[in-house]
Amino acid sequence: MLSGEIQIRVRYAETDRMGLLHHANYLIYFEQARTELLRTQGAAYKELEDRGFFLVIARIEIKYKSPAHYDDVLTIRTTVTRTSPIRIEHKYEVFREGMLICEGATTLACVNREGKLQAMPDWLMGTK
């Protein structure tokens, strides 16, 4: 399975009044991790979209285990767990100093410019 890791430092603007990383920002971190994983394969979301292929979130799941705080350095491990002709599934693990603090999963569907389902390009299917 294709897998990769990135590191992100929690910025002050991403926290709530309690100084914790706001729960919605994990979705942004997941997107950044997916984008970088694709980039490691020599492609970019922009290139994909320029060719008329758009990956939209069809399902998302998050399990929060422990909070992240301002200035924490987080490691996000992203793994492609399954692909089909029109969908790609990812698993995410968020670590702080080696401790798993969050898990997530997404299913992305491939659509065209009109929002209709379409098959993914063959080269993207090879990201298993």
N, C-alpha and C. Protein backbone atom coordinates (compact mmCIF):
# COMPACT_ATOMS: atom_id res chain seq x y z
N MET A 1 0.83 -1.19 0.00
CA MET A 1 0.00 0.00 0.00
C MET A 1 0.87 1.25 0.00
N LEU A 2 0.45 2.23 -0.75
CA LEU A 2 1.16 3.50 -0.82
C LEU A 2 0.95 4.26 0.49
N SER A 3 2.04 4.78 1.05
CA SER A 3 1.97 5.48 2.32
C SER A 3 3.00 6.60 2.34
N GLY A 4 2.73 7.63 3.11
CA GLY A 4 3.68 8.71 3.27
C GLY A 4 3.41 9.48 4.55
N GLU A 5 4.38 10.30 4.94
CA GLU A 5 4.25 11.10 6.15
C GLU A 5 4.64 12.55 5.88
N ILE A 6 3.95 13.44 6.56
CA ILE A 6 4.33 14.85 6.57
C ILE A 6 4.30 15.33 8.01
N GLN A 7 4.98 16.44 8.26
CA GLN A 7 4.92 17.07 9.58
C GLN A 7 4.30 18.45 9.45
N ILE A 8 3.48 18.78 10.44
CA ILE A 8 2.81 20.08 10.49
C ILE A 8 2.91 20.61 11.91
N ARG A 9 3.28 21.89 12.03
CA ARG A 9 3.30 22.53 13.34
C ARG A 9 1.97 23.27 13.52
N VAL A 10 1.31 23.04 14.64
CA VAL A 10 0.02 23.69 14.92
C VAL A 10 0.24 25.18 15.12
N ARG A 11 -0.44 25.96 14.30
CA ARG A 11 -0.34 27.42 14.38
C ARG A 11 -1.37 27.98 15.36
N TYR A 12 -1.07 29.12 15.92
CA TYR A 12 -1.95 29.75 16.90
C TYR A 12 -3.35 29.96 16.34
N ALA A 13 -3.45 30.39 15.09
CA ALA A 13 -4.75 30.67 14.47
C ALA A 13 -5.60 29.41 14.29
N GLU A 14 -5.00 28.24 14.42
CA GLU A 14 -5.73 26.98 14.25
C GLU A 14 -6.29 26.44 15.56
N THR A 15 -6.07 27.16 16.64
CA THR A 15 -6.52 26.69 17.95
C THR A 15 -7.79 27.42 18.39
N ASP A 16 -8.46 26.82 19.38
CA ASP A 16 -9.66 27.44 19.94
C ASP A 16 -9.28 28.20 21.22
N ARG A 17 -10.25 28.69 21.93
CA ARG A 17 -9.97 29.48 23.15
C ARG A 17 -9.27 28.68 24.23
N MET A 18 -9.34 27.37 24.16
CA MET A 18 -8.66 26.52 25.15
C MET A 18 -7.23 26.21 24.74
N GLY A 19 -6.81 26.72 23.56
CA GLY A 19 -5.46 26.47 23.09
C GLY A 19 -5.30 25.12 22.41
N LEU A 20 -6.42 24.47 22.08
CA LEU A 20 -6.40 23.16 21.43
C LEU A 20 -6.60 23.33 19.94
N LEU A 21 -6.00 22.45 19.17
CA LEU A 21 -6.23 22.45 17.74
C LEU A 21 -7.72 22.22 17.51
N HIS A 22 -8.37 23.15 16.78
CA HIS A 22 -9.80 23.04 16.52
C HIS A 22 -10.05 21.79 15.68
N HIS A 23 -11.11 21.06 16.01
CA HIS A 23 -11.37 19.77 15.37
C HIS A 23 -11.48 19.87 13.84
N ALA A 24 -11.99 20.95 13.31
CA ALA A 24 -12.16 21.09 11.85
C ALA A 24 -10.81 21.15 11.12
N ASN A 25 -9.78 21.59 11.81
CA ASN A 25 -8.48 21.71 11.15
C ASN A 25 -7.84 20.36 10.83
N TYR A 26 -8.28 19.32 11.49
CA TYR A 26 -7.78 17.99 11.13
C TYR A 26 -8.14 17.67 9.68
N LEU A 27 -9.31 18.10 9.23
CA LEU A 27 -9.72 17.87 7.84
C LEU A 27 -8.77 18.58 6.88
N ILE A 28 -8.36 19.77 7.23
CA ILE A 28 -7.40 20.51 6.41
C ILE A 28 -6.05 19.79 6.40
N TYR A 29 -5.63 19.29 7.54
CA TYR A 29 -4.37 18.55 7.62
C TYR A 29 -4.45 17.27 6.79
N PHE A 30 -5.60 16.58 6.83
CA PHE A 30 -5.77 15.37 6.01
C PHE A 30 -5.63 15.72 4.53
N GLU A 31 -6.24 16.82 4.13
CA GLU A 31 -6.15 17.22 2.72
C GLU A 31 -4.71 17.53 2.34
N GLN A 32 -4.00 18.22 3.20
CA GLN A 32 -2.60 18.54 2.92
C GLN A 32 -1.79 17.25 2.81
N ALA A 33 -2.05 16.29 3.68
CA ALA A 33 -1.31 15.02 3.66
C ALA A 33 -1.62 14.25 2.37
N ARG A 34 -2.88 14.23 1.94
CA ARG A 34 -3.24 13.56 0.68
C ARG A 34 -2.55 14.21 -0.50
N THR A 35 -2.55 15.54 -0.51
CA THR A 35 -1.92 16.28 -1.60
C THR A 35 -0.44 15.97 -1.69
N GLU A 36 0.23 15.93 -0.56
CA GLU A 36 1.66 15.64 -0.56
C GLU A 36 1.94 14.19 -0.93
N LEU A 37 1.05 13.27 -0.54
CA LEU A 37 1.22 11.88 -0.94
C LEU A 37 1.14 11.75 -2.46
N LEU A 38 0.19 12.44 -3.06
CA LEU A 38 0.07 12.43 -4.52
C LEU A 38 1.32 13.03 -5.16
N ARG A 39 1.83 14.09 -4.56
CA ARG A 39 3.03 14.75 -5.08
C ARG A 39 4.24 13.80 -5.07
N THR A 40 4.32 12.92 -4.06
CA THR A 40 5.43 11.96 -4.02
C THR A 40 5.38 10.99 -5.19
N GLN A 41 4.21 10.89 -5.83
CA GLN A 41 4.04 10.02 -6.99
C GLN A 41 4.28 10.76 -8.30
N GLY A 42 4.76 12.01 -8.18
CA GLY A 42 5.09 12.79 -9.36
C GLY A 42 3.91 13.50 -9.98
N ALA A 43 2.84 13.68 -9.22
CA ALA A 43 1.65 14.36 -9.74
C ALA A 43 1.20 15.42 -8.74
N ALA A 44 0.25 16.23 -9.17
CA ALA A 44 -0.30 17.27 -8.31
C ALA A 44 -1.79 17.36 -8.55
N TYR A 45 -2.53 17.72 -7.50
CA TYR A 45 -3.97 17.90 -7.64
C TYR A 45 -4.30 18.89 -8.75
N LYS A 46 -3.53 19.94 -8.85
CA LYS A 46 -3.77 20.94 -9.89
C LYS A 46 -3.71 20.30 -11.27
N GLU A 47 -2.70 19.47 -11.49
CA GLU A 47 -2.55 18.77 -12.77
C GLU A 47 -3.75 17.86 -13.03
N LEU A 48 -4.18 17.15 -11.99
CA LEU A 48 -5.33 16.26 -12.09
C LEU A 48 -6.58 17.05 -12.49
N GLU A 49 -6.80 18.17 -11.81
CA GLU A 49 -7.97 19.00 -12.10
C GLU A 49 -7.87 19.67 -13.47
N ASP A 50 -6.67 20.07 -13.86
CA ASP A 50 -6.49 20.66 -15.19
C ASP A 50 -6.89 19.67 -16.29
N ARG A 51 -6.76 18.37 -16.01
CA ARG A 51 -7.13 17.33 -16.97
C ARG A 51 -8.61 16.94 -16.88
N GLY A 52 -9.35 17.59 -15.96
CA GLY A 52 -10.79 17.33 -15.86
C GLY A 52 -11.19 16.26 -14.86
N PHE A 53 -10.27 15.89 -13.96
CA PHE A 53 -10.56 14.90 -12.93
C PHE A 53 -10.58 15.61 -11.56
N PHE A 54 -11.70 15.48 -10.85
CA PHE A 54 -11.85 16.13 -9.55
C PHE A 54 -12.16 15.07 -8.51
N LEU A 55 -11.42 15.07 -7.41
CA LEU A 55 -11.64 14.13 -6.33
C LEU A 55 -12.41 14.84 -5.22
N VAL A 56 -13.63 14.37 -4.97
CA VAL A 56 -14.48 15.00 -3.97
C VAL A 56 -14.69 14.03 -2.80
N ILE A 57 -14.82 14.58 -1.62
CA ILE A 57 -15.03 13.77 -0.43
C ILE A 57 -16.44 13.18 -0.48
N ALA A 58 -16.52 11.85 -0.40
CA ALA A 58 -17.81 11.17 -0.35
C ALA A 58 -18.10 10.67 1.07
N ARG A 59 -17.03 10.44 1.85
CA ARG A 59 -17.18 9.96 3.22
C ARG A 59 -15.95 10.36 4.00
N ILE A 60 -16.19 10.71 5.27
CA ILE A 60 -15.06 11.02 6.14
C ILE A 60 -15.38 10.53 7.55
N GLU A 61 -14.36 10.05 8.22
CA GLU A 61 -14.51 9.57 9.59
C GLU A 61 -13.29 10.02 10.38
N ILE A 62 -13.53 10.50 11.59
CA ILE A 62 -12.43 10.94 12.46
C ILE A 62 -12.67 10.42 13.87
N LYS A 63 -11.61 9.91 14.49
CA LYS A 63 -11.65 9.51 15.89
C LYS A 63 -10.57 10.31 16.61
N TYR A 64 -10.99 11.17 17.53
CA TYR A 64 -10.06 11.97 18.31
C TYR A 64 -9.71 11.20 19.58
N LYS A 65 -8.41 11.07 19.85
CA LYS A 65 -7.97 10.30 21.02
C LYS A 65 -7.36 11.20 22.10
N SER A 66 -6.66 12.24 21.66
CA SER A 66 -5.99 13.14 22.58
C SER A 66 -5.82 14.48 21.85
N PRO A 67 -5.92 15.61 22.55
CA PRO A 67 -5.84 16.89 21.84
C PRO A 67 -4.42 17.27 21.43
N ALA A 68 -4.36 18.09 20.40
CA ALA A 68 -3.11 18.73 19.99
C ALA A 68 -3.20 20.18 20.44
N HIS A 69 -2.06 20.79 20.72
CA HIS A 69 -2.00 22.15 21.24
C HIS A 69 -1.18 23.04 20.32
N TYR A 70 -1.33 24.34 20.53
CA TYR A 70 -0.52 25.31 19.80
C TYR A 70 0.96 24.94 19.89
N ASP A 71 1.64 25.00 18.76
CA ASP A 71 3.07 24.77 18.60
C ASP A 71 3.48 23.30 18.63
N ASP A 72 2.53 22.37 18.81
CA ASP A 72 2.87 20.96 18.70
C ASP A 72 3.30 20.66 17.27
N VAL A 73 4.25 19.77 17.12
CA VAL A 73 4.63 19.26 15.81
C VAL A 73 3.94 17.91 15.64
N LEU A 74 3.10 17.82 14.63
CA LEU A 74 2.34 16.61 14.38
C LEU A 74 2.88 15.90 13.15
N THR A 75 2.90 14.59 13.19
CA THR A 75 3.23 13.77 12.04
C THR A 75 1.95 13.12 11.56
N ILE A 76 1.64 13.32 10.29
CA ILE A 76 0.45 12.72 9.71
C ILE A 76 0.89 11.65 8.72
N ARG A 77 0.51 10.42 9.01
CA ARG A 77 0.79 9.30 8.12
C ARG A 77 -0.47 9.03 7.31
N THR A 78 -0.33 9.03 6.00
CA THR A 78 -1.45 8.80 5.09
C THR A 78 -1.18 7.54 4.30
N THR A 79 -2.19 6.67 4.23
CA THR A 79 -2.06 5.41 3.51
C THR A 79 -3.25 5.23 2.59
N VAL A 80 -2.98 4.89 1.34
CA VAL A 80 -4.06 4.51 0.42
C VAL A 80 -4.44 3.08 0.78
N THR A 81 -5.69 2.88 1.18
CA THR A 81 -6.12 1.55 1.63
C THR A 81 -6.89 0.78 0.57
N ARG A 82 -7.48 1.51 -0.39
CA ARG A 82 -8.27 0.83 -1.42
C ARG A 82 -8.51 1.79 -2.58
N THR A 83 -8.48 1.24 -3.78
CA THR A 83 -8.88 2.01 -4.95
C THR A 83 -9.87 1.18 -5.76
N SER A 84 -10.76 1.87 -6.44
CA SER A 84 -11.68 1.26 -7.39
C SER A 84 -11.65 2.17 -8.61
N PRO A 85 -12.33 1.82 -9.67
CA PRO A 85 -12.28 2.68 -10.86
C PRO A 85 -12.73 4.13 -10.61
N ILE A 86 -13.60 4.36 -9.59
CA ILE A 86 -14.08 5.73 -9.36
C ILE A 86 -13.82 6.24 -7.95
N ARG A 87 -13.23 5.43 -7.08
CA ARG A 87 -13.02 5.85 -5.69
C ARG A 87 -11.61 5.52 -5.23
N ILE A 88 -11.18 6.32 -4.25
CA ILE A 88 -9.89 6.06 -3.59
C ILE A 88 -10.09 6.30 -2.10
N GLU A 89 -9.62 5.36 -1.29
CA GLU A 89 -9.78 5.46 0.16
C GLU A 89 -8.43 5.67 0.82
N HIS A 90 -8.42 6.55 1.81
CA HIS A 90 -7.20 6.85 2.57
C HIS A 90 -7.45 6.62 4.06
N LYS A 91 -6.39 6.24 4.75
CA LYS A 91 -6.38 6.16 6.21
C LYS A 91 -5.37 7.19 6.70
N TYR A 92 -5.67 7.85 7.80
CA TYR A 92 -4.78 8.87 8.38
C TYR A 92 -4.50 8.51 9.83
N GLU A 93 -3.27 8.71 10.23
CA GLU A 93 -2.88 8.57 11.63
C GLU A 93 -2.10 9.83 11.99
N VAL A 94 -2.52 10.49 13.06
CA VAL A 94 -1.86 11.73 13.49
C VAL A 94 -1.14 11.42 14.80
N PHE A 95 0.17 11.72 14.81
CA PHE A 95 1.01 11.44 15.97
C PHE A 95 1.59 12.73 16.52
N ARG A 96 1.71 12.78 17.83
CA ARG A 96 2.45 13.85 18.51
C ARG A 96 3.49 13.15 19.37
N GLU A 97 4.76 13.39 19.07
CA GLU A 97 5.86 12.76 19.80
C GLU A 97 5.69 11.25 19.88
N GLY A 98 5.28 10.64 18.77
CA GLY A 98 5.14 9.20 18.69
C GLY A 98 3.83 8.64 19.22
N MET A 99 3.01 9.48 19.85
CA MET A 99 1.73 9.02 20.40
C MET A 99 0.61 9.27 19.39
N LEU A 100 -0.20 8.26 19.12
CA LEU A 100 -1.34 8.39 18.21
C LEU A 100 -2.41 9.23 18.89
N ILE A 101 -2.73 10.39 18.29
CA ILE A 101 -3.73 11.27 18.90
C ILE A 101 -5.02 11.37 18.08
N CYS A 102 -4.98 10.90 16.84
CA CYS A 102 -6.17 11.00 15.99
C CYS A 102 -6.05 9.99 14.86
N GLU A 103 -7.18 9.40 14.49
CA GLU A 103 -7.24 8.52 13.33
C GLU A 103 -8.37 8.99 12.43
N GLY A 104 -8.22 8.79 11.15
CA GLY A 104 -9.27 9.18 10.23
C GLY A 104 -9.26 8.34 8.98
N ALA A 105 -10.32 8.49 8.21
CA ALA A 105 -10.44 7.80 6.93
C ALA A 105 -11.30 8.65 6.01
N THR A 106 -10.97 8.63 4.72
CA THR A 106 -11.78 9.31 3.73
C THR A 106 -12.00 8.41 2.53
N THR A 107 -13.11 8.63 1.88
CA THR A 107 -13.37 8.05 0.57
C THR A 107 -13.57 9.22 -0.38
N LEU A 108 -12.78 9.25 -1.44
CA LEU A 108 -12.91 10.29 -2.45
C LEU A 108 -13.48 9.66 -3.71
N ALA A 109 -14.40 10.37 -4.35
CA ALA A 109 -14.98 9.93 -5.61
C ALA A 109 -14.45 10.82 -6.71
N CYS A 110 -14.24 10.24 -7.88
CA CYS A 110 -13.74 10.99 -9.03
C CYS A 110 -14.94 11.46 -9.87
N VAL A 111 -14.99 12.77 -10.09
CA VAL A 111 -16.07 13.35 -10.89
C VAL A 111 -15.47 14.24 -11.99
N ASN A 112 -16.31 14.55 -12.98
CA ASN A 112 -15.89 15.46 -14.04
C ASN A 112 -16.29 16.89 -13.68
N ARG A 113 -16.09 17.81 -14.59
CA ARG A 113 -16.39 19.23 -14.32
C ARG A 113 -17.86 19.47 -14.00
N GLU A 114 -18.73 18.60 -14.47
CA GLU A 114 -20.16 18.74 -14.22
C GLU A 114 -20.60 18.03 -12.94
N GLY A 115 -19.66 17.40 -12.26
CA GLY A 115 -19.96 16.71 -11.01
C GLY A 115 -20.47 15.29 -11.19
N LYS A 116 -20.37 14.75 -12.38
CA LYS A 116 -20.80 13.38 -12.66
C LYS A 116 -19.64 12.42 -12.39
N LEU A 117 -19.97 11.26 -11.82
CA LEU A 117 -18.94 10.26 -11.57
C LEU A 117 -18.25 9.87 -12.86
N GLN A 118 -16.95 9.69 -12.77
CA GLN A 118 -16.17 9.22 -13.92
C GLN A 118 -15.02 8.37 -13.41
N ALA A 119 -14.49 7.54 -14.29
CA ALA A 119 -13.34 6.70 -13.93
C ALA A 119 -12.11 7.56 -13.72
N MET A 120 -11.30 7.15 -12.75
CA MET A 120 -10.04 7.85 -12.50
C MET A 120 -9.05 7.52 -13.61
N PRO A 121 -8.08 8.39 -13.84
CA PRO A 121 -7.05 8.05 -14.83
C PRO A 121 -6.27 6.81 -14.38
N ASP A 122 -5.83 6.03 -15.35
CA ASP A 122 -5.12 4.78 -15.04
C ASP A 122 -3.92 4.99 -14.12
N TRP A 123 -3.16 6.07 -14.33
CA TRP A 123 -1.96 6.27 -13.52
C TRP A 123 -2.31 6.51 -12.05
N LEU A 124 -3.51 7.05 -11.76
CA LEU A 124 -3.91 7.26 -10.38
C LEU A 124 -4.35 5.94 -9.74
N MET A 125 -4.86 5.04 -10.52
CA MET A 125 -5.26 3.73 -10.02
C MET A 125 -4.04 2.95 -9.51
N GLY A 126 -2.87 3.28 -10.01
CA GLY A 126 -1.65 2.58 -9.61
C GLY A 126 -1.14 2.99 -8.25
N THR A 127 -1.89 3.80 -7.49
CA THR A 127 -1.43 4.27 -6.18
C THR A 127 -1.82 3.31 -5.06
N LYS A 128 -2.10 2.07 -5.38
CA LYS A 128 -2.47 1.08 -4.35
C LYS A 128 -1.31 0.80 -3.44
